Amino acid sequence: MISFNDLNLPEQKTLEGLKIDISEVFNKNIEVWDYHIGESKYDRVQHGKLLTLQIELDGAKRVIFTQSSNLMDVVQHPNAKFPFKAKIVKHYRGFRFTSPTNEISLTKP
């Protein structure tokens, strides 16, 4: 019988940290360490993708999930370098990254 290593499968990316709801990090300073984009199990999403972010919040690693195409675009951008400091804010019907020193966010109730 062959071993798992003999299968020559690509290494699976695992992100460390307790899974938390993205709403727990809104308007808080975070560090974004890594990400993974995979298929969403929810059919209602237009693009069918799910972003998993490994972040650091208050000195602890955490993992959050979102279907935000805005956040996906940022982490996949050729100029993106990890880790980076940011805040995630609600912006109309979606989310966006802002500077961690930005005290004003464009949120809609």
C-alpha atoms as a PDB file:
ATOM      1  CA  MET A   1       0.000   0.000   0.000  1.00  0.00           C
ATOM      2  CA  ILE A   2       1.282   3.495  -0.814  1.00  0.00           C
ATOM      3  CA  SER A   3       1.529   6.290   1.728  1.00  0.00           C
ATOM      4  CA  PHE A   4      -0.178   9.654   1.495  1.00  0.00           C
ATOM      5  CA  ASN A   5       3.120  11.324   0.540  1.00  0.00           C
ATOM      6  CA  ASP A   6       3.388   9.044  -2.498  1.00  0.00           C
ATOM      7  CA  LEU A   7       0.204  10.588  -3.933  1.00  0.00           C
ATOM      8  CA  ASN A   8       2.110  13.828  -4.721  1.00  0.00           C
ATOM      9  CA  LEU A   9      -0.927  15.965  -3.975  1.00  0.00           C
ATOM     10  CA  PRO A  10      -0.493  19.708  -3.528  1.00  0.00           C
ATOM     11  CA  GLU A  11      -0.064  20.797   0.080  1.00  0.00           C
ATOM     12  CA  GLN A  12      -3.323  21.951   1.609  1.00  0.00           C
ATOM     13  CA  LYS A  13      -3.272  25.453   3.042  1.00  0.00           C
ATOM     14  CA  THR A  14      -4.517  25.566   6.624  1.00  0.00           C
ATOM     15  CA  LEU A  15      -5.190  28.794   8.441  1.00  0.00           C
ATOM     16  CA  GLU A  16      -4.712  28.947  12.207  1.00  0.00           C
ATOM     17  CA  GLY A  17      -7.075  30.500  14.682  1.00  0.00           C
ATOM     18  CA  LEU A  18     -10.466  30.374  16.302  1.00  0.00           C
ATOM     19  CA  LYS A  19     -13.281  30.926  13.803  1.00  0.00           C
ATOM     20  CA  ILE A  20     -15.226  34.085  14.546  1.00  0.00           C
ATOM     21  CA  ASP A  21     -17.985  36.027  12.805  1.00  0.00           C
ATOM     22  CA  ILE A  22     -16.758  38.871  10.623  1.00  0.00           C
ATOM     23  CA  SER A  23     -19.016  41.285  12.535  1.00  0.00           C
ATOM     24  CA  GLU A  24     -16.718  40.838  15.555  1.00  0.00           C
ATOM     25  CA  VAL A  25     -13.923  42.680  13.735  1.00  0.00           C
ATOM     26  CA  PHE A  26     -15.852  45.581  12.189  1.00  0.00           C
ATOM     27  CA  ASN A  27     -14.059  48.897  12.831  1.00  0.00           C
ATOM     28  CA  LYS A  28     -11.288  47.198  14.837  1.00  0.00           C
ATOM     29  CA  ASN A  29      -7.570  47.209  14.088  1.00  0.00           C
ATOM     30  CA  ILE A  30      -6.526  43.845  12.672  1.00  0.00           C
ATOM     31  CA  GLU A  31      -3.535  42.319  10.933  1.00  0.00           C
ATOM     32  CA  VAL A  32      -4.286  40.219   7.854  1.00  0.00           C
ATOM     33  CA  TRP A  33      -1.786  37.336   7.680  1.00  0.00           C
ATOM     34  CA  ASP A  34      -3.050  35.023   4.964  1.00  0.00           C
ATOM     35  CA  TYR A  35      -6.087  34.036   2.944  1.00  0.00           C
ATOM     36  CA  HIS A  36      -7.688  31.272   0.947  1.00  0.00           C
ATOM     37  CA  ILE A  37     -10.381  31.573  -1.721  1.00  0.00           C
ATOM     38  CA  GLY A  38     -12.462  28.500  -2.409  1.00  0.00           C
ATOM     39  CA  GLU A  39     -15.871  27.494  -3.619  1.00  0.00           C
ATOM     40  CA  SER A  40     -18.844  28.601  -1.515  1.00  0.00           C
ATOM     41  CA  LYS A  41     -21.344  25.955  -0.510  1.00  0.00           C
ATOM     42  CA  TYR A  42     -24.165  28.488  -0.880  1.00  0.00           C
ATOM     43  CA  ASP A  43     -25.694  28.694  -4.350  1.00  0.00           C
ATOM     44  CA  ARG A  44     -27.178  32.138  -3.803  1.00  0.00           C
ATOM     45  CA  VAL A  45     -23.789  33.826  -4.116  1.00  0.00           C
ATOM     46  CA  GLN A  46     -23.319  35.342  -7.560  1.00  0.00           C
ATOM     47  CA  HIS A  47     -19.619  34.557  -7.934  1.00  0.00           C
ATOM     48  CA  GLY A  48     -19.695  31.279  -5.972  1.00  0.00           C
ATOM     49  CA  LYS A  49     -16.529  32.086  -3.985  1.00  0.00           C
ATOM     50  CA  LEU A  50     -15.744  32.152  -0.265  1.00  0.00           C
ATOM     51  CA  LEU A  51     -12.845  34.133   1.211  1.00  0.00           C
ATOM     52  CA  THR A  52     -11.223  32.788   4.374  1.00  0.00           C
ATOM     53  CA  LEU A  53      -8.963  35.306   6.104  1.00  0.00           C
ATOM     54  CA  GLN A  54      -6.421  34.550   8.794  1.00  0.00           C
ATOM     55  CA  ILE A  55      -6.166  37.638  10.948  1.00  0.00           C
ATOM     56  CA  GLU A  56      -4.717  38.727  14.234  1.00  0.00           C
ATOM     57  CA  LEU A  57      -7.069  40.546  16.593  1.00  0.00           C
ATOM     58  CA  ASP A  58      -5.877  41.752  19.998  1.00  0.00           C
ATOM     59  CA  GLY A  59      -2.773  39.554  19.736  1.00  0.00           C
ATOM     60  CA  ALA A  60      -4.654  36.328  18.906  1.00  0.00           C
ATOM     61  CA  LYS A  61      -4.942  34.525  15.559  1.00  0.00           C
ATOM     62  CA  ARG A  62      -8.499  34.301  14.261  1.00  0.00           C
ATOM     63  CA  VAL A  63     -10.182  33.084  11.067  1.00  0.00           C
ATOM     64  CA  ILE A  64     -13.106  34.876   9.419  1.00  0.00           C
ATOM     65  CA  PHE A  65     -15.203  34.024   6.370  1.00  0.00           C
ATOM     66  CA  THR A  66     -16.860  36.304   3.833  1.00  0.00           C
ATOM     67  CA  GLN A  67     -18.225  36.287   0.310  1.00  0.00           C
ATOM     68  CA  SER A  68     -17.178  39.915  -0.185  1.00  0.00           C
ATOM     69  CA  SER A  69     -15.801  40.422  -3.669  1.00  0.00           C
ATOM     70  CA  ASN A  70     -14.333  43.777  -2.517  1.00  0.00           C
ATOM     71  CA  LEU A  71     -12.141  42.067   0.077  1.00  0.00           C
ATOM     72  CA  MET A  72     -11.223  39.290  -2.370  1.00  0.00           C
ATOM     73  CA  ASP A  73     -10.066  41.854  -4.915  1.00  0.00           C
ATOM     74  CA  VAL A  74      -7.764  43.494  -2.366  1.00  0.00           C
ATOM     75  CA  VAL A  75      -6.062  40.334  -1.101  1.00  0.00           C
ATOM     76  CA  GLN A  76      -5.545  39.039  -4.660  1.00  0.00           C
ATOM     77  CA  HIS A  77      -4.160  42.326  -5.956  1.00  0.00           C
ATOM     78  CA  PRO A  78      -0.565  42.039  -7.242  1.00  0.00           C
ATOM     79  CA  ASN A  79       0.542  44.799  -4.835  1.00  0.00           C
ATOM     80  CA  ALA A  80      -0.886  43.045  -1.742  1.00  0.00           C
ATOM     81  CA  LYS A  81       1.819  42.107   0.754  1.00  0.00           C
ATOM     82  CA  PHE A  82       1.202  40.075   3.888  1.00  0.00           C
ATOM     83  CA  PRO A  83       0.826  40.699   6.729  1.00  0.00           C
ATOM     84  CA  PHE A  84      -0.846  44.101   6.539  1.00  0.00           C
ATOM     85  CA  LYS A  85      -2.727  46.225   9.070  1.00  0.00           C
ATOM     86  CA  ALA A  86      -6.280  47.330   8.342  1.00  0.00           C
ATOM     87  CA  LYS A  87      -9.835  47.703   9.547  1.00  0.00           C
ATOM     88  CA  ILE A  88     -12.839  46.044   7.929  1.00  0.00           C
ATOM     89  CA  VAL A  89     -15.820  48.370   7.720  1.00  0.00           C
ATOM     90  CA  LYS A  90     -19.334  47.997   6.416  1.00  0.00           C
ATOM     91  CA  HIS A  91     -19.689  50.049   3.269  1.00  0.00           C
ATOM     92  CA  TYR A  92     -23.263  50.281   2.041  1.00  0.00           C
ATOM     93  CA  ARG A  93     -24.170  46.639   1.291  1.00  0.00           C
ATOM     94  CA  GLY A  94     -20.639  45.273   1.398  1.00  0.00           C
ATOM     95  CA  PHE A  95     -17.360  45.396   3.252  1.00  0.00           C
ATOM     96  CA  ARG A  96     -14.057  47.107   2.570  1.00  0.00           C
ATOM     97  CA  PHE A  97     -10.627  47.464   4.090  1.00  0.00           C
ATOM     98  CA  THR A  98      -9.572  50.861   5.422  1.00  0.00           C
ATOM     99  CA  SER A  99      -6.426  52.162   7.052  1.00  0.00           C
ATOM    100  CA  PRO A 100      -6.145  51.103  10.712  1.00  0.00           C
ATOM    101  CA  THR A 101      -5.746  54.760  11.687  1.00  0.00           C
ATOM    102  CA  ASN A 102      -8.910  55.814   9.851  1.00  0.00           C
ATOM    103  CA  GLU A 103     -11.345  56.996  12.523  1.00  0.00           C
ATOM    104  CA  ILE A 104     -14.131  57.776  10.057  1.00  0.00           C
ATOM    105  CA  SER A 105     -15.913  54.947   8.283  1.00  0.00           C
ATOM    106  CA  LEU A 106     -18.662  55.133   5.717  1.00  0.00           C
ATOM    107  CA  THR A 107     -21.254  52.865   7.235  1.00  0.00           C
ATOM    108  CA  LYS A 108     -24.938  52.758   6.528  1.00  0.00           C
ATOM    109  CA  PRO A 109     -27.394  51.668   9.215  1.00  0.00           C
END
